[in-house]
């Protein structure tokens, strides 16, 4: 279950990064936000893979 929580937390972090970039920084750092989101997505993918392997 902790893997699913990690996957959900990574999704929330991606949305938070984009929300902060669009509201506070007025999309000035959108390329950096996409780069950060990429690494968060990769971490979420690792949580998903671990959850799939844990259930086998």
C-alpha atoms as a PDB file:
ATOM      1  CA  UNK A   1       0.000   0.000   0.000  1.00  0.00           C
ATOM      2  CA  UNK A   2       2.913   2.352   0.630  1.00  0.00           C
ATOM      3  CA  UNK A   3       3.820   2.138  -3.058  1.00  0.00           C
ATOM      4  CA  UNK A   4       0.371   3.354  -4.079  1.00  0.00           C
ATOM      5  CA  UNK A   5       0.681   6.225  -1.607  1.00  0.00           C
ATOM      6  CA  UNK A   6       4.063   7.095  -3.114  1.00  0.00           C
ATOM      7  CA  UNK A   7       2.558   7.060  -6.591  1.00  0.00           C
ATOM      8  CA  UNK A   8      -0.249   9.355  -5.474  1.00  0.00           C
ATOM      9  CA  UNK A   9       2.209  11.674  -3.704  1.00  0.00           C
ATOM     10  CA  UNK A  10       4.298  11.970  -6.868  1.00  0.00           C
ATOM     11  CA  UNK A  11       1.173  12.918  -8.830  1.00  0.00           C
ATOM     12  CA  UNK A  12       0.316  15.589  -6.266  1.00  0.00           C
ATOM     13  CA  UNK A  13       3.884  16.945  -6.402  1.00  0.00           C
ATOM     14  CA  UNK A  14       3.741  17.249 -10.187  1.00  0.00           C
ATOM     15  CA  UNK A  15       0.481  19.204  -9.969  1.00  0.00           C
ATOM     16  CA  UNK A  16       1.929  21.383  -7.206  1.00  0.00           C
ATOM     17  CA  UNK A  17       5.036  22.219  -9.267  1.00  0.00           C
ATOM     18  CA  UNK A  18       2.908  23.294 -12.211  1.00  0.00           C
ATOM     19  CA  UNK A  19       0.517  25.262 -10.017  1.00  0.00           C
ATOM     20  CA  UNK A  20       3.374  27.156  -8.365  1.00  0.00           C
ATOM     21  CA  UNK A  21       5.009  27.828 -11.725  1.00  0.00           C
ATOM     22  CA  UNK A  22       1.832  29.166 -13.312  1.00  0.00           C
ATOM     23  CA  UNK A  23       0.561  31.239 -10.375  1.00  0.00           C
ATOM     24  CA  UNK A  24       3.615  32.528  -8.518  1.00  0.00           C
ATOM     25  CA  UNK A  25       6.243  32.616 -11.262  1.00  0.00           C
ATOM     26  CA  UNK A  26       3.836  33.444 -14.139  1.00  0.00           C
ATOM     27  CA  UNK A  27       5.306  30.638 -16.324  1.00  0.00           C
ATOM     28  CA  UNK A  28       8.766  32.219 -16.359  1.00  0.00           C
ATOM     29  CA  UNK A  29      10.391  28.967 -15.294  1.00  0.00           C
ATOM     30  CA  UNK A  30       8.178  26.520 -17.173  1.00  0.00           C
ATOM     31  CA  UNK A  31      11.115  24.598 -18.635  1.00  0.00           C
ATOM     32  CA  UNK A  32      12.566  24.066 -15.161  1.00  0.00           C
ATOM     33  CA  UNK A  33       9.127  22.985 -13.907  1.00  0.00           C
ATOM     34  CA  UNK A  34       8.884  20.421 -16.727  1.00  0.00           C
ATOM     35  CA  UNK A  35      12.378  19.147 -15.860  1.00  0.00           C
ATOM     36  CA  UNK A  36      11.417  18.763 -12.183  1.00  0.00           C
ATOM     37  CA  UNK A  37       8.172  17.063 -13.195  1.00  0.00           C
ATOM     38  CA  UNK A  38      10.123  14.597 -15.303  1.00  0.00           C
ATOM     39  CA  UNK A  39      12.156  13.443 -12.310  1.00  0.00           C
ATOM     40  CA  UNK A  40       9.044  13.240 -10.140  1.00  0.00           C
ATOM     41  CA  UNK A  41       7.371  11.175 -12.876  1.00  0.00           C
ATOM     42  CA  UNK A  42      10.352   8.813 -12.989  1.00  0.00           C
ATOM     43  CA  UNK A  43      10.170   8.393  -9.210  1.00  0.00           C
ATOM     44  CA  UNK A  44       6.444   7.656  -9.496  1.00  0.00           C
ATOM     45  CA  UNK A  45       7.189   5.098 -12.178  1.00  0.00           C
ATOM     46  CA  UNK A  46       9.591   3.374  -9.789  1.00  0.00           C
ATOM     47  CA  UNK A  47       6.825   3.255  -7.164  1.00  0.00           C
ATOM     48  CA  UNK A  48       4.505   1.692  -9.760  1.00  0.00           C
ATOM     49  CA  UNK A  49       7.078  -0.904 -10.807  1.00  0.00           C
ATOM     50  CA  UNK A  50       7.772  -1.804  -7.176  1.00  0.00           C
ATOM     51  CA  UNK A  51       4.034  -2.203  -6.519  1.00  0.00           C
ATOM     52  CA  UNK A  52       3.668  -4.502  -9.543  1.00  0.00           C
ATOM     53  CA  UNK A  53       6.665  -6.607  -8.454  1.00  0.00           C
ATOM     54  CA  UNK A  54       5.500  -6.722  -4.850  1.00  0.00           C
ATOM     55  CA  UNK A  55       2.121  -8.215  -5.833  1.00  0.00           C
ATOM     56  CA  UNK A  56       3.691 -11.098  -7.809  1.00  0.00           C
END
